[in-house]
Amino acid sequence: MTAIDKYIEKTKIEDENLHQVIFSIFNFTNIKKDYKKISTVDKKEEMVDEIISLLEKYLELDIVKDKSQKLEIIDVLDKLRFRKEVLEVIKSKIKFNDIEKAGNRLGKKSQSAF
């Protein structure tokens, strides 16, 4: 057995493991109704951006020859771009709520000063 054969054997990724990892990554990008921290939304948005970039590069390389597979990838890209837009809306909602809370606190402080 050559060194390359040993390398191939040691680095082989089983299909089941790969499917679990990919499922976990895509599952992380799912959107919930409420988020308390912008950092969580930022991480999801960053992950969506990375997946979009990966899929776009995959299409650019023209590896996929089957038209139906290309259309499936394009469909996933569209859904991911929509997720990103929704995450941006959620982020602005969180920022607005934070500003509103800060305004209420300042209002209470100013009332107590008088």
PDB file of N, CA and C in Angstrom:
ATOM      1  N   MET A   1       0.848  -1.182   0.000  1.00  0.00           N
ATOM      2  CA  MET A   1       0.000   0.000   0.000  1.00  0.00           C
ATOM      3  C   MET A   1       0.889   1.239   0.000  1.00  0.00           C
ATOM      4  N   THR A   2       0.647   2.121  -0.933  1.00  0.00           N
ATOM      5  CA  THR A   2       1.458   3.333  -1.041  1.00  0.00           C
ATOM      6  C   THR A   2       0.978   4.389  -0.049  1.00  0.00           C
ATOM      7  N   ALA A   3       1.767   5.426   0.068  1.00  0.00           N
ATOM      8  CA  ALA A   3       1.417   6.524   0.975  1.00  0.00           C
ATOM      9  C   ALA A   3       0.116   7.190   0.530  1.00  0.00           C
ATOM     10  N   ILE A   4      -0.062   7.297  -0.774  1.00  0.00           N
ATOM     11  CA  ILE A   4      -1.287   7.918  -1.294  1.00  0.00           C
ATOM     12  C   ILE A   4      -2.497   7.051  -0.957  1.00  0.00           C
ATOM     13  N   ASP A   5      -2.349   5.741  -1.087  1.00  0.00           N
ATOM     14  CA  ASP A   5      -3.452   4.841  -0.729  1.00  0.00           C
ATOM     15  C   ASP A   5      -3.811   4.970   0.749  1.00  0.00           C
ATOM     16  N   LYS A   6      -2.791   5.065   1.596  1.00  0.00           N
ATOM     17  CA  LYS A   6      -3.039   5.240   3.030  1.00  0.00           C
ATOM     18  C   LYS A   6      -3.745   6.561   3.297  1.00  0.00           C
ATOM     19  N   TYR A   7      -3.303   7.603   2.605  1.00  0.00           N
ATOM     20  CA  TYR A   7      -3.925   8.916   2.761  1.00  0.00           C
ATOM     21  C   TYR A   7      -5.392   8.861   2.346  1.00  0.00           C
ATOM     22  N   ILE A   8      -5.664   8.243   1.217  1.00  0.00           N
ATOM     23  CA  ILE A   8      -7.043   8.139   0.719  1.00  0.00           C
ATOM     24  C   ILE A   8      -7.905   7.369   1.710  1.00  0.00           C
ATOM     25  N   GLU A   9      -7.353   6.294   2.244  1.00  0.00           N
ATOM     26  CA  GLU A   9      -8.110   5.472   3.203  1.00  0.00           C
ATOM     27  C   GLU A   9      -8.395   6.237   4.496  1.00  0.00           C
ATOM     28  N   LYS A  10      -7.415   6.977   4.994  1.00  0.00           N
ATOM     29  CA  LYS A  10      -7.593   7.695   6.264  1.00  0.00           C
ATOM     30  C   LYS A  10      -8.479   8.925   6.140  1.00  0.00           C
ATOM     31  N   THR A  11      -8.541   9.523   4.968  1.00  0.00           N
ATOM     32  CA  THR A  11      -9.307  10.764   4.812  1.00  0.00           C
ATOM     33  C   THR A  11     -10.671  10.549   4.170  1.00  0.00           C
ATOM     34  N   LYS A  12     -11.039   9.309   3.914  1.00  0.00           N
ATOM     35  CA  LYS A  12     -12.329   9.033   3.289  1.00  0.00           C
ATOM     36  C   LYS A  12     -13.465   9.436   4.240  1.00  0.00           C
ATOM     37  N   ILE A  13     -14.432  10.169   3.695  1.00  0.00           N
ATOM     38  CA  ILE A  13     -15.588  10.604   4.477  1.00  0.00           C
ATOM     39  C   ILE A  13     -16.769   9.742   4.059  1.00  0.00           C
ATOM     40  N   GLU A  14     -17.357   9.093   5.032  1.00  0.00           N
ATOM     41  CA  GLU A  14     -18.503   8.230   4.751  1.00  0.00           C
ATOM     42  C   GLU A  14     -19.711   9.075   4.367  1.00  0.00           C
ATOM     43  N   ASP A  15     -20.527   8.559   3.460  1.00  0.00           N
ATOM     44  CA  ASP A  15     -21.711   9.286   2.991  1.00  0.00           C
ATOM     45  C   ASP A  15     -22.625   9.683   4.140  1.00  0.00           C
ATOM     46  N   GLU A  16     -22.845   8.772   5.078  1.00  0.00           N
ATOM     47  CA  GLU A  16     -23.753   9.062   6.196  1.00  0.00           C
ATOM     48  C   GLU A  16     -23.228  10.226   7.033  1.00  0.00           C
ATOM     49  N   ASN A  17     -21.931  10.229   7.307  1.00  0.00           N
ATOM     50  CA  ASN A  17     -21.338  11.333   8.078  1.00  0.00           C
ATOM     51  C   ASN A  17     -21.461  12.650   7.332  1.00  0.00           C
ATOM     52  N   LEU A  18     -21.208  12.609   6.039  1.00  0.00           N
ATOM     53  CA  LEU A  18     -21.311  13.815   5.227  1.00  0.00           C
ATOM     54  C   LEU A  18     -22.739  14.348   5.215  1.00  0.00           C
ATOM     55  N   HIS A  19     -23.711  13.467   5.067  1.00  0.00           N
ATOM     56  CA  HIS A  19     -25.116  13.889   5.060  1.00  0.00           C
ATOM     57  C   HIS A  19     -25.514  14.507   6.400  1.00  0.00           C
ATOM     58  N   GLN A  20     -25.022  13.919   7.494  1.00  0.00           N
ATOM     59  CA  GLN A  20     -25.340  14.460   8.819  1.00  0.00           C
ATOM     60  C   GLN A  20     -24.754  15.858   9.000  1.00  0.00           C
ATOM     61  N   VAL A  21     -23.539  16.046   8.558  1.00  0.00           N
ATOM     62  CA  VAL A  21     -22.885  17.350   8.699  1.00  0.00           C
ATOM     63  C   VAL A  21     -23.607  18.394   7.846  1.00  0.00           C
ATOM     64  N   ILE A  22     -23.900  18.052   6.605  1.00  0.00           N
ATOM     65  CA  ILE A  22     -24.587  18.994   5.716  1.00  0.00           C
ATOM     66  C   ILE A  22     -25.976  19.318   6.256  1.00  0.00           C
ATOM     67  N   PHE A  23     -26.682  18.304   6.736  1.00  0.00           N
ATOM     68  CA  PHE A  23     -28.009  18.536   7.320  1.00  0.00           C
ATOM     69  C   PHE A  23     -27.908  19.465   8.522  1.00  0.00           C
ATOM     70  N   SER A  24     -26.920  19.246   9.359  1.00  0.00           N
ATOM     71  CA  SER A  24     -26.719  20.083  10.548  1.00  0.00           C
ATOM     72  C   SER A  24     -26.432  21.533  10.160  1.00  0.00           C
ATOM     73  N   ILE A  25     -25.613  21.729   9.143  1.00  0.00           N
ATOM     74  CA  ILE A  25     -25.280  23.090   8.690  1.00  0.00           C
ATOM     75  C   ILE A  25     -26.526  23.791   8.161  1.00  0.00           C
ATOM     76  N   PHE A  26     -27.275  23.109   7.301  1.00  0.00           N
ATOM     77  CA  PHE A  26     -28.476  23.726   6.747  1.00  0.00           C
ATOM     78  C   PHE A  26     -29.534  23.932   7.824  1.00  0.00           C
ATOM     79  N   ASN A  27     -29.611  23.020   8.769  1.00  0.00           N
ATOM     80  CA  ASN A  27     -30.567  23.147   9.863  1.00  0.00           C
ATOM     81  C   ASN A  27     -30.255  24.377  10.713  1.00  0.00           C
ATOM     82  N   PHE A  28     -28.981  24.695  10.877  1.00  0.00           N
ATOM     83  CA  PHE A  28     -28.586  25.879  11.643  1.00  0.00           C
ATOM     84  C   PHE A  28     -29.108  27.155  10.989  1.00  0.00           C
ATOM     85  N   THR A  29     -29.232  27.151   9.670  1.00  0.00           N
ATOM     86  CA  THR A  29     -29.672  28.361   8.971  1.00  0.00           C
ATOM     87  C   THR A  29     -31.189  28.538   9.005  1.00  0.00           C
ATOM     88  N   ASN A  30     -31.918  27.554   9.542  1.00  0.00           N
ATOM     89  CA  ASN A  30     -33.365  27.717   9.668  1.00  0.00           C
ATOM     90  C   ASN A  30     -33.666  28.901  10.585  1.00  0.00           C
ATOM     91  N   ILE A  31     -34.779  29.547  10.327  1.00  0.00           N
ATOM     92  CA  ILE A  31     -35.113  30.770  11.052  1.00  0.00           C
ATOM     93  C   ILE A  31     -36.208  30.495  12.070  1.00  0.00           C
ATOM     94  N   LYS A  32     -35.979  31.006  13.295  1.00  0.00           N
ATOM     95  CA  LYS A  32     -36.993  30.936  14.342  1.00  0.00           C
ATOM     96  C   LYS A  32     -37.745  32.262  14.379  1.00  0.00           C
ATOM     97  N   LYS A  33     -38.825  32.284  15.164  1.00  0.00           N
ATOM     98  CA  LYS A  33     -39.632  33.513  15.251  1.00  0.00           C
ATOM     99  C   LYS A  33     -38.899  34.638  15.970  1.00  0.00           C
ATOM    100  N   ASP A  34     -38.246  34.324  17.072  1.00  0.00           N
ATOM    101  CA  ASP A  34     -37.634  35.373  17.896  1.00  0.00           C
ATOM    102  C   ASP A  34     -36.176  35.051  18.207  1.00  0.00           C
ATOM    103  N   TYR A  35     -35.398  36.116  18.245  1.00  0.00           N
ATOM    104  CA  TYR A  35     -34.006  36.034  18.665  1.00  0.00           C
ATOM    105  C   TYR A  35     -33.766  37.155  19.659  1.00  0.00           C
ATOM    106  N   LYS A  36     -32.979  36.862  20.689  1.00  0.00           N
ATOM    107  CA  LYS A  36     -32.689  37.874  21.700  1.00  0.00           C
ATOM    108  C   LYS A  36     -31.385  38.603  21.388  1.00  0.00           C
ATOM    109  N   LYS A  37     -30.462  37.908  20.712  1.00  0.00           N
ATOM    110  CA  LYS A  37     -29.155  38.495  20.461  1.00  0.00           C
ATOM    111  C   LYS A  37     -28.941  38.692  18.964  1.00  0.00           C
ATOM    112  N   ILE A  38     -28.400  39.845  18.642  1.00  0.00           N
ATOM    113  CA  ILE A  38     -28.038  40.115  17.247  1.00  0.00           C
ATOM    114  C   ILE A  38     -26.901  39.197  16.823  1.00  0.00           C
ATOM    115  N   SER A  39     -26.027  38.833  17.757  1.00  0.00           N
ATOM    116  CA  SER A  39     -24.877  37.992  17.404  1.00  0.00           C
ATOM    117  C   SER A  39     -25.319  36.642  16.831  1.00  0.00           C
ATOM    118  N   THR A  40     -26.414  36.086  17.353  1.00  0.00           N
ATOM    119  CA  THR A  40     -26.931  34.822  16.814  1.00  0.00           C
ATOM    120  C   THR A  40     -27.412  35.013  15.389  1.00  0.00           C
ATOM    121  N   VAL A  41     -28.110  36.095  15.149  1.00  0.00           N
ATOM    122  CA  VAL A  41     -28.607  36.388  13.801  1.00  0.00           C
ATOM    123  C   VAL A  41     -27.427  36.651  12.868  1.00  0.00           C
ATOM    124  N   ASP A  42     -26.416  37.365  13.356  1.00  0.00           N
ATOM    125  CA  ASP A  42     -25.221  37.623  12.550  1.00  0.00           C
ATOM    126  C   ASP A  42     -24.536  36.323  12.138  1.00  0.00           C
ATOM    127  N   LYS A  43     -24.431  35.384  13.073  1.00  0.00           N
ATOM    128  CA  LYS A  43     -23.789  34.097  12.768  1.00  0.00           C
ATOM    129  C   LYS A  43     -24.586  33.318  11.728  1.00  0.00           C
ATOM    130  N   LYS A  44     -25.905  33.332  11.873  1.00  0.00           N
ATOM    131  CA  LYS A  44     -26.747  32.655  10.881  1.00  0.00           C
ATOM    132  C   LYS A  44     -26.598  33.315   9.515  1.00  0.00           C
ATOM    133  N   GLU A  45     -26.598  34.635   9.507  1.00  0.00           N
ATOM    134  CA  GLU A  45     -26.468  35.371   8.256  1.00  0.00           C
ATOM    135  C   GLU A  45     -25.112  35.086   7.597  1.00  0.00           C
ATOM    136  N   GLU A  46     -24.072  35.027   8.402  1.00  0.00           N
ATOM    137  CA  GLU A  46     -22.735  34.715   7.896  1.00  0.00           C
ATOM    138  C   GLU A  46     -22.696  33.304   7.308  1.00  0.00           C
ATOM    139  N   MET A  47     -23.323  32.363   7.991  1.00  0.00           N
ATOM    140  CA  MET A  47     -23.366  30.985   7.503  1.00  0.00           C
ATOM    141  C   MET A  47     -24.118  30.906   6.177  1.00  0.00           C
ATOM    142  N   VAL A  48     -25.234  31.616   6.073  1.00  0.00           N
ATOM    143  CA  VAL A  48     -26.012  31.637   4.834  1.00  0.00           C
ATOM    144  C   VAL A  48     -25.163  32.224   3.707  1.00  0.00           C
ATOM    145  N   ASP A  49     -24.432  33.305   3.994  1.00  0.00           N
ATOM    146  CA  ASP A  49     -23.557  33.907   2.982  1.00  0.00           C
ATOM    147  C   ASP A  49     -22.509  32.909   2.480  1.00  0.00           C
ATOM    148  N   GLU A  50     -21.933  32.169   3.399  1.00  0.00           N
ATOM    149  CA  GLU A  50     -20.898  31.195   3.029  1.00  0.00           C
ATOM    150  C   GLU A  50     -21.478  30.064   2.170  1.00  0.00           C
ATOM    151  N   ILE A  51     -22.652  29.601   2.525  1.00  0.00           N
ATOM    152  CA  ILE A  51     -23.285  28.534   1.743  1.00  0.00           C
ATOM    153  C   ILE A  51     -23.643  29.046   0.353  1.00  0.00           C
ATOM    154  N   ILE A  52     -24.165  30.269   0.287  1.00  0.00           N
ATOM    155  CA  ILE A  52     -24.486  30.875  -1.014  1.00  0.00           C
ATOM    156  C   ILE A  52     -23.225  30.961  -1.868  1.00  0.00           C
ATOM    157  N   SER A  53     -22.153  31.437  -1.277  1.00  0.00           N
ATOM    158  CA  SER A  53     -20.891  31.571  -1.999  1.00  0.00           C
ATOM    159  C   SER A  53     -20.402  30.212  -2.512  1.00  0.00           C
ATOM    160  N   LEU A  54     -20.479  29.204  -1.673  1.00  0.00           N
ATOM    161  CA  LEU A  54     -20.052  27.858  -2.052  1.00  0.00           C
ATOM    162  C   LEU A  54     -20.879  27.324  -3.227  1.00  0.00           C
ATOM    163  N   LEU A  55     -22.192  27.475  -3.148  1.00  0.00           N
ATOM    164  CA  LEU A  55     -23.058  26.977  -4.214  1.00  0.00           C
ATOM    165  C   LEU A  55     -22.855  27.752  -5.516  1.00  0.00           C
ATOM    166  N   GLU A  56     -22.642  29.057  -5.411  1.00  0.00           N
ATOM    167  CA  GLU A  56     -22.378  29.854  -6.613  1.00  0.00           C
ATOM    168  C   GLU A  56     -21.075  29.415  -7.283  1.00  0.00           C
ATOM    169  N   LYS A  57     -20.045  29.170  -6.488  1.00  0.00           N
ATOM    170  CA  LYS A  57     -18.770  28.698  -7.043  1.00  0.00           C
ATOM    171  C   LYS A  57     -18.938  27.325  -7.690  1.00  0.00           C
ATOM    172  N   TYR A  58     -19.728  26.492  -7.056  1.00  0.00           N
ATOM    173  CA  TYR A  58     -19.999  25.157  -7.587  1.00  0.00           C
ATOM    174  C   TYR A  58     -20.658  25.255  -8.961  1.00  0.00           C
ATOM    175  N   LEU A  59     -21.606  26.171  -9.102  1.00  0.00           N
ATOM    176  CA  LEU A  59     -22.259  26.367 -10.405  1.00  0.00           C
ATOM    177  C   LEU A  59     -21.292  26.972 -11.433  1.00  0.00           C
ATOM    178  N   GLU A  60     -20.450  27.899 -10.980  1.00  0.00           N
ATOM    179  CA  GLU A  60     -19.490  28.535 -11.883  1.00  0.00           C
ATOM    180  C   GLU A  60     -18.498  27.537 -12.462  1.00  0.00           C
ATOM    181  N   LEU A  61     -18.118  26.554 -11.672  1.00  0.00           N
ATOM    182  CA  LEU A  61     -17.159  25.551 -12.147  1.00  0.00           C
ATOM    183  C   LEU A  61     -17.756  24.634 -13.201  1.00  0.00           C
ATOM    184  N   ASP A  62     -19.056  24.696 -13.361  1.00  0.00           N
ATOM    185  CA  ASP A  62     -19.768  23.911 -14.368  1.00  0.00           C
ATOM    186  C   ASP A  62     -19.541  22.407 -14.182  1.00  0.00           C
ATOM    187  N   ILE A  63     -19.489  21.995 -12.926  1.00  0.00           N
ATOM    188  CA  ILE A  63     -19.332  20.570 -12.607  1.00  0.00           C
ATOM    189  C   ILE A  63     -20.633  19.837 -12.871  1.00  0.00           C
ATOM    190  N   VAL A  64     -21.731  20.488 -12.537  1.00  0.00           N
ATOM    191  CA  VAL A  64     -23.044  19.880 -12.713  1.00  0.00           C
ATOM    192  C   VAL A  64     -23.457  20.057 -14.168  1.00  0.00           C
ATOM    193  N   LYS A  65     -23.673  18.949 -14.834  1.00  0.00           N
ATOM    194  CA  LYS A  65     -24.067  19.001 -16.245  1.00  0.00           C
ATOM    195  C   LYS A  65     -25.571  18.830 -16.420  1.00  0.00           C
ATOM    196  N   ASP A  66     -26.195  18.161 -15.456  1.00  0.00           N
ATOM    197  CA  ASP A  66     -27.624  17.896 -15.548  1.00  0.00           C
ATOM    198  C   ASP A  66     -28.418  19.176 -15.262  1.00  0.00           C
ATOM    199  N   LYS A  67     -29.289  19.535 -16.189  1.00  0.00           N
ATOM    200  CA  LYS A  67     -30.052  20.783 -16.073  1.00  0.00           C
ATOM    201  C   LYS A  67     -30.962  20.778 -14.840  1.00  0.00           C
ATOM    202  N   SER A  68     -31.571  19.639 -14.527  1.00  0.00           N
ATOM    203  CA  SER A  68     -32.471  19.581 -13.365  1.00  0.00           C
ATOM    204  C   SER A  68     -31.705  19.781 -12.062  1.00  0.00           C
ATOM    205  N   GLN A  69     -30.483  19.266 -11.979  1.00  0.00           N
ATOM    206  CA  GLN A  69     -29.663  19.486 -10.782  1.00  0.00           C
ATOM    207  C   GLN A  69     -29.277  20.957 -10.645  1.00  0.00           C
ATOM    208  N   LYS A  70     -28.943  21.578 -11.778  1.00  0.00           N
ATOM    209  CA  LYS A  70     -28.617  23.003 -11.741  1.00  0.00           C
ATOM    210  C   LYS A  70     -29.814  23.818 -11.255  1.00  0.00           C
ATOM    211  N   LEU A  71     -30.994  23.455 -11.739  1.00  0.00           N
ATOM    212  CA  LEU A  71     -32.202  24.163 -11.313  1.00  0.00           C
ATOM    213  C   LEU A  71     -32.468  23.964  -9.825  1.00  0.00           C
ATOM    214  N   GLU A  72     -32.185  22.767  -9.309  1.00  0.00           N
ATOM    215  CA  GLU A  72     -32.349  22.512  -7.868  1.00  0.00           C
ATOM    216  C   GLU A  72     -31.399  23.391  -7.064  1.00  0.00           C
ATOM    217  N   ILE A  73     -30.168  23.504  -7.526  1.00  0.00           N
ATOM    218  CA  ILE A  73     -29.186  24.338  -6.834  1.00  0.00           C
ATOM    219  C   ILE A  73     -29.618  25.803  -6.873  1.00  0.00           C
ATOM    220  N   ILE A  74     -30.099  26.240  -8.020  1.00  0.00           N
ATOM    221  CA  ILE A  74     -30.582  27.622  -8.151  1.00  0.00           C
ATOM    222  C   ILE A  74     -31.770  27.864  -7.236  1.00  0.00           C
ATOM    223  N   ASP A  75     -32.645  26.876  -7.114  1.00  0.00           N
ATOM    224  CA  ASP A  75     -33.789  26.994  -6.212  1.00  0.00           C
ATOM    225  C   ASP A  75     -33.327  27.131  -4.757  1.00  0.00           C
ATOM    226  N   VAL A  76     -32.342  26.328  -4.369  1.00  0.00           N
ATOM    227  CA  VAL A  76     -31.798  26.417  -3.011  1.00  0.00           C
ATOM    228  C   VAL A  76     -31.144  27.786  -2.802  1.00  0.00           C
ATOM    229  N   LEU A  77     -30.431  28.272  -3.808  1.00  0.00           N
ATOM    230  CA  LEU A  77     -29.817  29.601  -3.714  1.00  0.00           C
ATOM    231  C   LEU A  77     -30.869  30.681  -3.492  1.00  0.00           C
ATOM    232  N   ASP A  78     -31.965  30.602  -4.235  1.00  0.00           N
ATOM    233  CA  ASP A  78     -33.044  31.582  -4.060  1.00  0.00           C
ATOM    234  C   ASP A  78     -33.611  31.536  -2.645  1.00  0.00           C
ATOM    235  N   LYS A  79     -33.817  30.335  -2.132  1.00  0.00           N
ATOM    236  CA  LYS A  79     -34.356  30.189  -0.774  1.00  0.00           C
ATOM    237  C   LYS A  79     -33.375  30.721   0.266  1.00  0.00           C
ATOM    238  N   LEU A  80     -32.088  30.467   0.054  1.00  0.00           N
ATOM    239  CA  LEU A  80     -31.081  30.972   0.987  1.00  0.00           C
ATOM    240  C   LEU A  80     -30.998  32.499   0.945  1.00  0.00           C
ATOM    241  N   ARG A  81     -31.101  33.074  -0.243  1.00  0.00           N
ATOM    242  CA  ARG A  81     -31.095  34.544  -0.342  1.00  0.00           C
ATOM    243  C   ARG A  81     -32.304  35.135   0.369  1.00  0.00           C
ATOM    244  N   PHE A  82     -33.442  34.465   0.271  1.00  0.00           N
ATOM    245  CA  PHE A  82     -34.632  34.931   0.979  1.00  0.00           C
ATOM    246  C   PHE A  82     -34.433  34.818   2.487  1.00  0.00           C
ATOM    247  N   ARG A  83     -33.811  33.718   2.939  1.00  0.00           N
ATOM    248  CA  ARG A  83     -33.509  33.578   4.369  1.00  0.00           C
ATOM    249  C   ARG A  83     -32.641  34.731   4.839  1.00  0.00           C
ATOM    250  N   LYS A  84     -31.673  35.091   4.008  1.00  0.00           N
ATOM    251  CA  LYS A  84     -30.784  36.195   4.387  1.00  0.00           C
ATOM    252  C   LYS A  84     -31.573  37.493   4.544  1.00  0.00           C
ATOM    253  N   GLU A  85     -32.490  37.750   3.637  1.00  0.00           N
ATOM    254  CA  GLU A  85     -33.323  38.946   3.736  1.00  0.00           C
ATOM    255  C   GLU A  85     -34.164  38.928   5.009  1.00  0.00           C
ATOM    256  N   VAL A  86     -34.723  37.775   5.336  1.00  0.00           N
ATOM    257  CA  VAL A  86     -35.531  37.649   6.555  1.00  0.00           C
ATOM    258  C   VAL A  86     -34.649  37.890   7.784  1.00  0.00           C
ATOM    259  N   LEU A  87     -33.440  37.360   7.769  1.00  0.00           N
ATOM    260  CA  LEU A  87     -32.522  37.576   8.892  1.00  0.00           C
ATOM    261  C   LEU A  87     -32.188  39.062   9.043  1.00  0.00           C
ATOM    262  N   GLU A  88     -32.046  39.768   7.936  1.00  0.00           N
ATOM    263  CA  GLU A  88     -31.783  41.206   7.997  1.00  0.00           C
ATOM    264  C   GLU A  88     -32.957  41.952   8.616  1.00  0.00           C
ATOM    265  N   VAL A  89     -34.175  41.535   8.284  1.00  0.00           N
ATOM    266  CA  VAL A  89     -35.372  42.152   8.874  1.00  0.00           C
ATOM    267  C   VAL A  89     -35.404  41.871  10.376  1.00  0.00           C
ATOM    268  N   ILE A  90     -35.112  40.639  10.755  1.00  0.00           N
ATOM    269  CA  ILE A  90     -35.107  40.273  12.182  1.00  0.00           C
ATOM    270  C   ILE A  90     -34.058  41.097  12.920  1.00  0.00           C
ATOM    271  N   LYS A  91     -32.898  41.274  12.298  1.00  0.00           N
ATOM    272  CA  LYS A  91     -31.831  42.051  12.930  1.00  0.00           C
ATOM    273  C   LYS A  91     -32.260  43.493  13.144  1.00  0.00           C
ATOM    274  N   SER A  92     -32.924  44.077  12.162  1.00  0.00           N
ATOM    275  CA  SER A  92     -33.376  45.473  12.324  1.00  0.00           C
ATOM    276  C   SER A  92     -34.458  45.563  13.390  1.00  0.00           C
ATOM    277  N   LYS A  93     -35.279  44.521  13.514  1.00  0.00           N
ATOM    278  CA  LYS A  93     -36.312  44.491  14.556  1.00  0.00           C
ATOM    279  C   LYS A  93     -35.665  44.448  15.945  1.00  0.00           C
ATOM    280  N   ILE A  94     -34.625  43.628  16.088  1.00  0.00           N
ATOM    281  CA  ILE A  94     -33.921  43.543  17.373  1.00  0.00           C
ATOM    282  C   ILE A  94     -33.296  44.892  17.710  1.00  0.00           C
ATOM    283  N   LYS A  95     -32.670  45.532  16.712  1.00  0.00           N
ATOM    284  CA  LYS A  95     -32.056  46.842  16.949  1.00  0.00           C
ATOM    285  C   LYS A  95     -33.103  47.864  17.367  1.00  0.00           C
ATOM    286  N   PHE A  96     -34.253  47.845  16.703  1.00  0.00           N
ATOM    287  CA  PHE A  96     -35.322  48.778  17.050  1.00  0.00           C
ATOM    288  C   PHE A  96     -35.792  48.538  18.485  1.00  0.00           C
ATOM    289  N   ASN A  97     -35.974  47.260  18.854  1.00  0.00           N
ATOM    290  CA  ASN A  97     -36.400  46.935  20.223  1.00  0.00           C
ATOM    291  C   ASN A  97     -35.374  47.397  21.245  1.00  0.00           C
ATOM    292  N   ASP A  98     -34.086  47.242  20.928  1.00  0.00           N
ATOM    293  CA  ASP A  98     -33.028  47.698  21.837  1.00  0.00           C
ATOM    294  C   ASP A  98     -33.057  49.214  21.990  1.00  0.00           C
ATOM    295  N   ILE A  99     -33.257  49.919  20.877  1.00  0.00           N
ATOM    296  CA  ILE A  99     -33.335  51.383  20.920  1.00  0.00           C
ATOM    297  C   ILE A  99     -34.555  51.814  21.734  1.00  0.00           C
ATOM    298  N   GLU A 100     -35.675  51.127  21.524  1.00  0.00           N
ATOM    299  CA  GLU A 100     -36.905  51.450  22.251  1.00  0.00           C
ATOM    300  C   GLU A 100     -36.717  51.238  23.758  1.00  0.00           C
ATOM    301  N   LYS A 101     -36.064  50.125  24.141  1.00  0.00           N
ATOM    302  CA  LYS A 101     -35.809  49.857  25.561  1.00  0.00           C
ATOM    303  C   LYS A 101     -34.902  50.932  26.155  1.00  0.00           C
ATOM    304  N   ALA A 102     -33.861  51.305  25.414  1.00  0.00           N
ATOM    305  CA  ALA A 102     -32.942  52.336  25.897  1.00  0.00           C
ATOM    306  C   ALA A 102     -33.675  53.667  26.046  1.00  0.00           C
ATOM    307  N   GLY A 103     -34.558  53.982  25.107  1.00  0.00           N
ATOM    308  CA  GLY A 103     -35.346  55.209  25.187  1.00  0.00           C
ATOM    309  C   GLY A 103     -36.249  55.208  26.405  1.00  0.00           C
ATOM    310  N   ASN A 104     -36.878  54.076  26.685  1.00  0.00           N
ATOM    311  CA  ASN A 104     -37.739  53.967  27.867  1.00  0.00           C
ATOM    312  C   ASN A 104     -36.935  54.149  29.149  1.00  0.00           C
ATOM    313  N   ARG A 105     -35.740  53.560  29.202  1.00  0.00           N
ATOM    314  CA  ARG A 105     -34.889  53.711  30.386  1.00  0.00           C
ATOM    315  C   ARG A 105     -34.486  55.174  30.575  1.00  0.00           C
ATOM    316  N   LEU A 106     -34.100  55.811  29.479  1.00  0.00           N
ATOM    317  CA  LEU A 106     -33.717  57.222  29.573  1.00  0.00           C
ATOM    318  C   LEU A 106     -34.900  58.082  29.985  1.00  0.00           C
ATOM    319  N   GLY A 107     -36.086  57.744  29.475  1.00  0.00           N
ATOM    320  CA  GLY A 107     -37.290  58.487  29.851  1.00  0.00           C
ATOM    321  C   GLY A 107     -37.570  58.363  31.340  1.00  0.00           C
ATOM    322  N   LYS A 108     -37.416  57.167  31.884  1.00  0.00           N
ATOM    323  CA  LYS A 108     -37.647  56.956  33.315  1.00  0.00           C
ATOM    324  C   LYS A 108     -36.614  57.699  34.147  1.00  0.00           C
ATOM    325  N   LYS A 109     -35.362  57.696  33.668  1.00  0.00           N
ATOM    326  CA  LYS A 109     -34.308  58.403  34.401  1.00  0.00           C
ATOM    327  C   LYS A 109     -34.571  59.898  34.397  1.00  0.00           C
ATOM    328  N   SER A 110     -34.995  60.420  33.265  1.00  0.00           N
ATOM    329  CA  SER A 110     -35.229  61.864  33.206  1.00  0.00           C
ATOM    330  C   SER A 110     -36.443  62.250  34.052  1.00  0.00           C
ATOM    331  N   GLN A 111     -37.442  61.379  34.128  1.00  0.00           N
ATOM    332  CA  GLN A 111     -38.616  61.667  34.959  1.00  0.00           C
ATOM    333  C   GLN A 111     -38.225  61.649  36.433  1.00  0.00           C
ATOM    334  N   SER A 112     -37.365  60.721  36.806  1.00  0.00           N
ATOM    335  CA  SER A 112     -36.973  60.640  38.214  1.00  0.00           C
ATOM    336  C   SER A 112     -36.054  61.815  38.595  1.00  0.00           C
ATOM    337  N   ALA A 113     -35.411  62.419  37.619  1.00  0.00           N
ATOM    338  CA  ALA A 113     -34.545  63.572  37.900  1.00  0.00           C
ATOM    339  C   ALA A 113     -35.371  64.812  38.227  1.00  0.00           C
ATOM    340  N   PHE A 114     -36.586  64.860  37.704  1.00  0.00           N
ATOM    341  CA  PHE A 114     -37.439  66.033  37.967  1.00  0.00           C
ATOM    342  C   PHE A 114     -38.308  65.706  39.114  1.00  0.00           C
TER     343      PHE A 114
END
